[in-house]
Amino acid sequence: MKKGERADLAVPGAEFVVRVTPRARVAACVLEGDVWRIAVHEPPEEGRATAAVAEALAHALGVAKGRLALVRGATSRDKRFRLD
């Protein structure tokens, strides 16, 4: 996905539901309905996959990754991020 391709969704206070696939062979970031499906190469150890997901989501929204806050799901495949 190109940087800022979904910038129309980057509204302060918006929450994004994400389904993560760690250790994916091919990295991808796809919006299916209201759920983002993000596949990353990183393993789900020590928060590495979560950090990669935040970076991929920020890239798709065209915002800095520091503006995304993890609301729920630090150790789960289902996560919720809020844009501050």
PDB file of N, CA and C in Angstrom:
ATOM      1  N   MET A   1       0.842  -1.169   0.000  1.00  0.00           N
ATOM      2  CA  MET A   1       0.000   0.000   0.000  1.00  0.00           C
ATOM      3  C   MET A   1       0.892   1.239   0.000  1.00  0.00           C
ATOM      4  N   LYS A   2       0.539   2.208  -0.805  1.00  0.00           N
ATOM      5  CA  LYS A   2       1.313   3.435  -0.889  1.00  0.00           C
ATOM      6  C   LYS A   2       1.145   4.267   0.368  1.00  0.00           C
ATOM      7  N   LYS A   3       2.146   5.082   0.646  1.00  0.00           N
ATOM      8  CA  LYS A   3       2.091   5.940   1.829  1.00  0.00           C
ATOM      9  C   LYS A   3       0.932   6.925   1.689  1.00  0.00           C
ATOM     10  N   GLY A   4       0.089   6.959   2.707  1.00  0.00           N
ATOM     11  CA  GLY A   4      -1.030   7.885   2.737  1.00  0.00           C
ATOM     12  C   GLY A   4      -2.185   7.511   1.831  1.00  0.00           C
ATOM     13  N   GLU A   5      -2.215   6.281   1.351  1.00  0.00           N
ATOM     14  CA  GLU A   5      -3.279   5.864   0.431  1.00  0.00           C
ATOM     15  C   GLU A   5      -4.655   5.953   1.083  1.00  0.00           C
ATOM     16  N   ARG A   6      -4.720   5.733   2.374  1.00  0.00           N
ATOM     17  CA  ARG A   6      -5.997   5.832   3.090  1.00  0.00           C
ATOM     18  C   ARG A   6      -5.994   7.016   4.059  1.00  0.00           C
ATOM     19  N   ALA A   7      -5.416   8.129   3.635  1.00  0.00           N
ATOM     20  CA  ALA A   7      -5.333   9.334   4.459  1.00  0.00           C
ATOM     21  C   ALA A   7      -6.713   9.894   4.779  1.00  0.00           C
ATOM     22  N   ASP A   8      -7.717   9.541   3.985  1.00  0.00           N
ATOM     23  CA  ASP A   8      -9.077  10.009   4.258  1.00  0.00           C
ATOM     24  C   ASP A   8      -9.612   9.478   5.584  1.00  0.00           C
ATOM     25  N   LEU A   9      -9.043   8.391   6.096  1.00  0.00           N
ATOM     26  CA  LEU A   9      -9.477   7.811   7.369  1.00  0.00           C
ATOM     27  C   LEU A   9      -8.719   8.374   8.565  1.00  0.00           C
ATOM     28  N   ALA A  10      -7.697   9.177   8.309  1.00  0.00           N
ATOM     29  CA  ALA A  10      -6.834   9.694   9.373  1.00  0.00           C
ATOM     30  C   ALA A  10      -7.466  10.898  10.050  1.00  0.00           C
ATOM     31  N   VAL A  11      -8.462  10.626  10.884  1.00  0.00           N
ATOM     32  CA  VAL A  11      -9.161  11.660  11.634  1.00  0.00           C
ATOM     33  C   VAL A  11      -8.784  11.501  13.102  1.00  0.00           C
ATOM     34  N   PRO A  12      -8.357  12.573  13.772  1.00  0.00           N
ATOM     35  CA  PRO A  12      -7.999  12.449  15.194  1.00  0.00           C
ATOM     36  C   PRO A  12      -9.145  11.845  16.014  1.00  0.00           C
ATOM     37  N   GLY A  13      -8.797  10.869  16.838  1.00  0.00           N
ATOM     38  CA  GLY A  13      -9.788  10.188  17.662  1.00  0.00           C
ATOM     39  C   GLY A  13     -10.364   8.931  17.024  1.00  0.00           C
ATOM     40  N   ALA A  14     -10.058   8.693  15.757  1.00  0.00           N
ATOM     41  CA  ALA A  14     -10.562   7.504  15.070  1.00  0.00           C
ATOM     42  C   ALA A  14      -9.877   6.254  15.628  1.00  0.00           C
ATOM     43  N   GLU A  15     -10.642   5.163  15.697  1.00  0.00           N
ATOM     44  CA  GLU A  15     -10.085   3.889  16.162  1.00  0.00           C
ATOM     45  C   GLU A  15     -10.094   2.902  15.008  1.00  0.00           C
ATOM     46  N   PHE A  16      -9.050   2.076  14.976  1.00  0.00           N
ATOM     47  CA  PHE A  16      -8.881   1.113  13.897  1.00  0.00           C
ATOM     48  C   PHE A  16      -8.748  -0.287  14.472  1.00  0.00           C
ATOM     49  N   VAL A  17      -9.579  -1.205  13.985  1.00  0.00           N
ATOM     50  CA  VAL A  17      -9.518  -2.608  14.387  1.00  0.00           C
ATOM     51  C   VAL A  17      -8.576  -3.309  13.427  1.00  0.00           C
ATOM     52  N   VAL A  18      -7.619  -4.054  13.984  1.00  0.00           N
ATOM     53  CA  VAL A  18      -6.571  -4.673  13.175  1.00  0.00           C
ATOM     54  C   VAL A  18      -6.486  -6.158  13.499  1.00  0.00           C
ATOM     55  N   ARG A  19      -6.383  -6.980  12.465  1.00  0.00           N
ATOM     56  CA  ARG A  19      -6.126  -8.415  12.610  1.00  0.00           C
ATOM     57  C   ARG A  19      -4.715  -8.646  12.091  1.00  0.00           C
ATOM     58  N   VAL A  20      -3.835  -9.151  12.942  1.00  0.00           N
ATOM     59  CA  VAL A  20      -2.416  -9.265  12.627  1.00  0.00           C
ATOM     60  C   VAL A  20      -2.040 -10.693  12.234  1.00  0.00           C
ATOM     61  N   THR A  21      -1.175 -10.802  11.232  1.00  0.00           N
ATOM     62  CA  THR A  21      -0.562 -12.067  10.866  1.00  0.00           C
ATOM     63  C   THR A  21       0.944 -11.900  11.004  1.00  0.00           C
ATOM     64  N   PRO A  22       1.517 -12.359  12.130  1.00  0.00           N
ATOM     65  CA  PRO A  22       2.963 -12.254  12.299  1.00  0.00           C
ATOM     66  C   PRO A  22       3.685 -13.348  11.514  1.00  0.00           C
ATOM     67  N   ARG A  23       4.976 -13.155  11.300  1.00  0.00           N
ATOM     68  CA  ARG A  23       5.818 -14.115  10.565  1.00  0.00           C
ATOM     69  C   ARG A  23       5.263 -14.442   9.180  1.00  0.00           C
ATOM     70  N   ALA A  24       4.675 -13.464   8.535  1.00  0.00           N
ATOM     71  CA  ALA A  24       4.109 -13.677   7.202  1.00  0.00           C
ATOM     72  C   ALA A  24       5.222 -13.715   6.166  1.00  0.00           C
ATOM     73  N   ARG A  25       5.028 -14.500   5.160  1.00  0.00           N
ATOM     74  CA  ARG A  25       6.005 -14.583   4.081  1.00  0.00           C
ATOM     75  C   ARG A  25       6.005 -13.289   3.272  1.00  0.00           C
ATOM     76  N   VAL A  26       4.804 -12.728   3.066  1.00  0.00           N
ATOM     77  CA  VAL A  26       4.655 -11.490   2.307  1.00  0.00           C
ATOM     78  C   VAL A  26       3.980 -10.456   3.200  1.00  0.00           C
ATOM     79  N   ALA A  27       4.614  -9.311   3.363  1.00  0.00           N
ATOM     80  CA  ALA A  27       4.017  -8.238   4.168  1.00  0.00           C
ATOM     81  C   ALA A  27       2.890  -7.589   3.369  1.00  0.00           C
ATOM     82  N   ALA A  28       1.782  -7.306   4.043  1.00  0.00           N
ATOM     83  CA  ALA A  28       0.631  -6.709   3.371  1.00  0.00           C
ATOM     84  C   ALA A  28      -0.182  -5.893   4.353  1.00  0.00           C
ATOM     85  N   CYS A  29      -0.934  -4.938   3.816  1.00  0.00           N
ATOM     86  CA  CYS A  29      -1.802  -4.082   4.615  1.00  0.00           C
ATOM     87  C   CYS A  29      -3.071  -3.854   3.797  1.00  0.00           C
ATOM     88  N   VAL A  30      -4.176  -4.490   4.210  1.00  0.00           N
ATOM     89  CA  VAL A  30      -5.411  -4.460   3.437  1.00  0.00           C
ATOM     90  C   VAL A  30      -6.566  -4.079   4.348  1.00  0.00           C
ATOM     91  N   LEU A  31      -7.443  -3.213   3.861  1.00  0.00           N
ATOM     92  CA  LEU A  31      -8.644  -2.841   4.598  1.00  0.00           C
ATOM     93  C   LEU A  31      -9.808  -3.647   4.038  1.00  0.00           C
ATOM     94  N   GLU A  32     -10.410  -4.494   4.878  1.00  0.00           N
ATOM     95  CA  GLU A  32     -11.563  -5.306   4.481  1.00  0.00           C
ATOM     96  C   GLU A  32     -12.742  -4.901   5.342  1.00  0.00           C
ATOM     97  N   GLY A  33     -13.628  -4.104   4.779  1.00  0.00           N
ATOM     98  CA  GLY A  33     -14.751  -3.593   5.552  1.00  0.00           C
ATOM     99  C   GLY A  33     -14.243  -2.611   6.588  1.00  0.00           C
ATOM    100  N   ASP A  34     -14.439  -2.927   7.863  1.00  0.00           N
ATOM    101  CA  ASP A  34     -13.966  -2.069   8.950  1.00  0.00           C
ATOM    102  C   ASP A  34     -12.710  -2.616   9.603  1.00  0.00           C
ATOM    103  N   VAL A  35     -12.206  -3.740   9.115  1.00  0.00           N
ATOM    104  CA  VAL A  35     -11.063  -4.401   9.749  1.00  0.00           C
ATOM    105  C   VAL A  35      -9.831  -4.316   8.843  1.00  0.00           C
ATOM    106  N   TRP A  36      -8.733  -3.843   9.422  1.00  0.00           N
ATOM    107  CA  TRP A  36      -7.453  -3.848   8.722  1.00  0.00           C
ATOM    108  C   TRP A  36      -6.822  -5.211   8.912  1.00  0.00           C
ATOM    109  N   ARG A  37      -6.380  -5.834   7.848  1.00  0.00           N
ATOM    110  CA  ARG A  37      -5.638  -7.090   7.921  1.00  0.00           C
ATOM    111  C   ARG A  37      -4.199  -6.768   7.536  1.00  0.00           C
ATOM    112  N   ILE A  38      -3.319  -6.883   8.536  1.00  0.00           N
ATOM    113  CA  ILE A  38      -1.927  -6.502   8.331  1.00  0.00           C
ATOM    114  C   ILE A  38      -1.033  -7.707   8.599  1.00  0.00           C
ATOM    115  N   ALA A  39      -0.225  -8.047   7.608  1.00  0.00           N
ATOM    116  CA  ALA A  39       0.730  -9.149   7.725  1.00  0.00           C
ATOM    117  C   ALA A  39       2.128  -8.541   7.788  1.00  0.00           C
ATOM    118  N   VAL A  40       2.916  -9.005   8.758  1.00  0.00           N
ATOM    119  CA  VAL A  40       4.286  -8.492   8.943  1.00  0.00           C
ATOM    120  C   VAL A  40       5.259  -9.659   9.024  1.00  0.00           C
ATOM    121  N   HIS A  41       6.508  -9.390   8.705  1.00  0.00           N
ATOM    122  CA  HIS A  41       7.541 -10.416   8.747  1.00  0.00           C
ATOM    123  C   HIS A  41       7.987 -10.739  10.172  1.00  0.00           C
ATOM    124  N   GLU A  42       7.873  -9.790  11.084  1.00  0.00           N
ATOM    125  CA  GLU A  42       8.413  -9.930  12.433  1.00  0.00           C
ATOM    126  C   GLU A  42       7.661 -10.981  13.244  1.00  0.00           C
ATOM    127  N   PRO A  43       8.371 -11.648  14.143  1.00  0.00           N
ATOM    128  CA  PRO A  43       7.724 -12.629  15.022  1.00  0.00           C
ATOM    129  C   PRO A  43       7.005 -11.923  16.175  1.00  0.00           C
ATOM    130  N   PRO A  44       6.048 -12.602  16.783  1.00  0.00           N
ATOM    131  CA  PRO A  44       5.302 -11.988  17.888  1.00  0.00           C
ATOM    132  C   PRO A  44       6.048 -12.099  19.213  1.00  0.00           C
ATOM    133  N   GLU A  45       7.261 -11.628  19.255  1.00  0.00           N
ATOM    134  CA  GLU A  45       8.100 -11.713  20.455  1.00  0.00           C
ATOM    135  C   GLU A  45       8.537 -10.321  20.869  1.00  0.00           C
ATOM    136  N   GLU A  46       8.395 -10.026  22.140  1.00  0.00           N
ATOM    137  CA  GLU A  46       8.844  -8.760  22.729  1.00  0.00           C
ATOM    138  C   GLU A  46       8.251  -7.545  22.033  1.00  0.00           C
ATOM    139  N   GLY A  47       7.051  -7.669  21.503  1.00  0.00           N
ATOM    140  CA  GLY A  47       6.368  -6.535  20.890  1.00  0.00           C
ATOM    141  C   GLY A  47       6.869  -6.140  19.514  1.00  0.00           C
ATOM    142  N   ARG A  48       7.711  -6.968  18.908  1.00  0.00           N
ATOM    143  CA  ARG A  48       8.263  -6.626  17.595  1.00  0.00           C
ATOM    144  C   ARG A  48       7.188  -6.598  16.516  1.00  0.00           C
ATOM    145  N   ALA A  49       6.271  -7.553  16.532  1.00  0.00           N
ATOM    146  CA  ALA A  49       5.209  -7.577  15.529  1.00  0.00           C
ATOM    147  C   ALA A  49       4.253  -6.406  15.728  1.00  0.00           C
ATOM    148  N   THR A  50       3.944  -6.084  16.975  1.00  0.00           N
ATOM    149  CA  THR A  50       3.041  -4.963  17.254  1.00  0.00           C
ATOM    150  C   THR A  50       3.648  -3.650  16.762  1.00  0.00           C
ATOM    151  N   ALA A  51       4.936  -3.463  16.974  1.00  0.00           N
ATOM    152  CA  ALA A  51       5.610  -2.252  16.494  1.00  0.00           C
ATOM    153  C   ALA A  51       5.582  -2.180  14.975  1.00  0.00           C
ATOM    154  N   ALA A  52       5.777  -3.310  14.323  1.00  0.00           N
ATOM    155  CA  ALA A  52       5.746  -3.341  12.857  1.00  0.00           C
ATOM    156  C   ALA A  52       4.346  -3.052  12.327  1.00  0.00           C
ATOM    157  N   VAL A  53       3.332  -3.536  13.031  1.00  0.00           N
ATOM    158  CA  VAL A  53       1.948  -3.284  12.629  1.00  0.00           C
ATOM    159  C   VAL A  53       1.628  -1.798  12.760  1.00  0.00           C
ATOM    160  N   ALA A  54       2.040  -1.192  13.863  1.00  0.00           N
ATOM    161  CA  ALA A  54       1.806   0.240  14.053  1.00  0.00           C
ATOM    162  C   ALA A  54       2.484   1.050  12.946  1.00  0.00           C
ATOM    163  N   GLU A  55       3.681   0.647  12.571  1.00  0.00           N
ATOM    164  CA  GLU A  55       4.400   1.343  11.505  1.00  0.00           C
ATOM    165  C   GLU A  55       3.688   1.176  10.162  1.00  0.00           C
ATOM    166  N   ALA A  56       3.199  -0.030   9.866  1.00  0.00           N
ATOM    167  CA  ALA A  56       2.494  -0.278   8.602  1.00  0.00           C
ATOM    168  C   ALA A  56       1.178   0.485   8.541  1.00  0.00           C
ATOM    169  N   LEU A  57       0.442   0.520   9.650  1.00  0.00           N
ATOM    170  CA  LEU A  57      -0.824   1.239   9.684  1.00  0.00           C
ATOM    171  C   LEU A  57      -0.591   2.736   9.537  1.00  0.00           C
ATOM    172  N   ALA A  58       0.421   3.262  10.208  1.00  0.00           N
ATOM    173  CA  ALA A  58       0.744   4.683  10.092  1.00  0.00           C
ATOM    174  C   ALA A  58       1.137   5.029   8.661  1.00  0.00           C
ATOM    175  N   HIS A  59       1.881   4.147   8.012  1.00  0.00           N
ATOM    176  CA  HIS A  59       2.282   4.354   6.622  1.00  0.00           C
ATOM    177  C   HIS A  59       1.052   4.424   5.715  1.00  0.00           C
ATOM    178  N   ALA A  60       0.112   3.510   5.908  1.00  0.00           N
ATOM    179  CA  ALA A  60      -1.095   3.480   5.081  1.00  0.00           C
ATOM    180  C   ALA A  60      -1.958   4.720   5.292  1.00  0.00           C
ATOM    181  N   LEU A  61      -1.973   5.224   6.533  1.00  0.00           N
ATOM    182  CA  LEU A  61      -2.784   6.400   6.849  1.00  0.00           C
ATOM    183  C   LEU A  61      -2.060   7.704   6.538  1.00  0.00           C
ATOM    184  N   GLY A  62      -0.748   7.630   6.331  1.00  0.00           N
ATOM    185  CA  GLY A  62       0.026   8.823   6.035  1.00  0.00           C
ATOM    186  C   GLY A  62       0.276   9.698   7.250  1.00  0.00           C
ATOM    187  N   VAL A  63       0.399   9.070   8.420  1.00  0.00           N
ATOM    188  CA  VAL A  63       0.665   9.811   9.661  1.00  0.00           C
ATOM    189  C   VAL A  63       1.930   9.261  10.314  1.00  0.00           C
ATOM    190  N   ALA A  64       2.435   9.982  11.303  1.00  0.00           N
ATOM    191  CA  ALA A  64       3.596   9.508  12.049  1.00  0.00           C
ATOM    192  C   ALA A  64       3.169   8.360  12.959  1.00  0.00           C
ATOM    193  N   LYS A  65       4.037   7.349  13.108  1.00  0.00           N
ATOM    194  CA  LYS A  65       3.664   6.194  13.927  1.00  0.00           C
ATOM    195  C   LYS A  65       3.482   6.564  15.393  1.00  0.00           C
ATOM    196  N   GLY A  66       4.070   7.668  15.829  1.00  0.00           N
ATOM    197  CA  GLY A  66       3.894   8.138  17.199  1.00  0.00           C
ATOM    198  C   GLY A  66       2.497   8.649  17.483  1.00  0.00           C
ATOM    199  N   ARG A  67       1.719   8.926  16.436  1.00  0.00           N
ATOM    200  CA  ARG A  67       0.335   9.386  16.622  1.00  0.00           C
ATOM    201  C   ARG A  67      -0.630   8.235  16.863  1.00  0.00           C
ATOM    202  N   LEU A  68      -0.192   7.001  16.645  1.00  0.00           N
ATOM    203  CA  LEU A  68      -1.052   5.844  16.882  1.00  0.00           C
ATOM    204  C   LEU A  68      -0.800   5.292  18.280  1.00  0.00           C
ATOM    205  N   ALA A  69      -1.876   5.093  19.015  1.00  0.00           N
ATOM    206  CA  ALA A  69      -1.775   4.531  20.362  1.00  0.00           C
ATOM    207  C   ALA A  69      -2.487   3.187  20.384  1.00  0.00           C
ATOM    208  N   LEU A  70      -1.836   2.195  20.957  1.00  0.00           N
ATOM    209  CA  LEU A  70      -2.457   0.884  21.091  1.00  0.00           C
ATOM    210  C   LEU A  70      -3.446   0.939  22.236  1.00  0.00           C
ATOM    211  N   VAL A  71      -4.711   0.679  21.938  1.00  0.00           N
ATOM    212  CA  VAL A  71      -5.774   0.734  22.944  1.00  0.00           C
ATOM    213  C   VAL A  71      -5.980  -0.624  23.579  1.00  0.00           C
ATOM    214  N   ARG A  72      -5.944  -1.672  22.752  1.00  0.00           N
ATOM    215  CA  ARG A  72      -6.234  -3.018  23.246  1.00  0.00           C
ATOM    216  C   ARG A  72      -5.519  -4.046  22.378  1.00  0.00           C
ATOM    217  N   GLY A  73      -5.072  -5.139  23.015  1.00  0.00           N
ATOM    218  CA  GLY A  73      -4.526  -6.260  22.266  1.00  0.00           C
ATOM    219  C   GLY A  73      -3.027  -6.319  22.160  1.00  0.00           C
ATOM    220  N   ALA A  74      -2.313  -5.911  23.185  1.00  0.00           N
ATOM    221  CA  ALA A  74      -0.854  -5.898  23.123  1.00  0.00           C
ATOM    222  C   ALA A  74      -0.268  -7.271  22.816  1.00  0.00           C
ATOM    223  N   THR A  75      -0.887  -8.342  23.324  1.00  0.00           N
ATOM    224  CA  THR A  75      -0.366  -9.695  23.085  1.00  0.00           C
ATOM    225  C   THR A  75      -1.319 -10.543  22.259  1.00  0.00           C
ATOM    226  N   SER A  76      -2.282  -9.919  21.618  1.00  0.00           N
ATOM    227  CA  SER A  76      -3.288 -10.643  20.843  1.00  0.00           C
ATOM    228  C   SER A  76      -3.112 -10.354  19.353  1.00  0.00           C
ATOM    229  N   ARG A  77      -3.668 -11.216  18.517  1.00  0.00           N
ATOM    230  CA  ARG A  77      -3.662 -10.966  17.071  1.00  0.00           C
ATOM    231  C   ARG A  77      -4.686  -9.917  16.698  1.00  0.00           C
ATOM    232  N   ASP A  78      -5.706  -9.738  17.540  1.00  0.00           N
ATOM    233  CA  ASP A  78      -6.723  -8.713  17.316  1.00  0.00           C
ATOM    234  C   ASP A  78      -6.361  -7.495  18.145  1.00  0.00           C
ATOM    235  N   LYS A  79      -6.144  -6.381  17.474  1.00  0.00           N
ATOM    236  CA  LYS A  79      -5.691  -5.164  18.140  1.00  0.00           C
ATOM    237  C   LYS A  79      -6.609  -4.001  17.793  1.00  0.00           C
ATOM    238  N   ARG A  80      -6.539  -2.963  18.609  1.00  0.00           N
ATOM    239  CA  ARG A  80      -7.277  -1.733  18.352  1.00  0.00           C
ATOM    240  C   ARG A  80      -6.323  -0.566  18.581  1.00  0.00           C
ATOM    241  N   PHE A  81      -6.186   0.273  17.567  1.00  0.00           N
ATOM    242  CA  PHE A  81      -5.354   1.461  17.639  1.00  0.00           C
ATOM    243  C   PHE A  81      -6.219   2.700  17.573  1.00  0.00           C
ATOM    244  N   ARG A  82      -5.779   3.777  18.249  1.00  0.00           N
ATOM    245  CA  ARG A  82      -6.475   5.069  18.184  1.00  0.00           C
ATOM    246  C   ARG A  82      -5.486   6.106  17.642  1.00  0.00           C
ATOM    247  N   LEU A  83      -5.987   6.955  16.770  1.00  0.00           N
ATOM    248  CA  LEU A  83      -5.171   8.024  16.211  1.00  0.00           C
ATOM    249  C   LEU A  83      -5.327   9.262  17.077  1.00  0.00           C
ATOM    250  N   ASP A  84      -4.233   9.730  17.645  1.00  0.00           N
ATOM    251  CA  ASP A  84      -4.264  10.918  18.508  1.00  0.00           C
ATOM    252  C   ASP A  84      -3.860  12.164  17.738  1.00  0.00           C
TER     253      ASP A  84
END
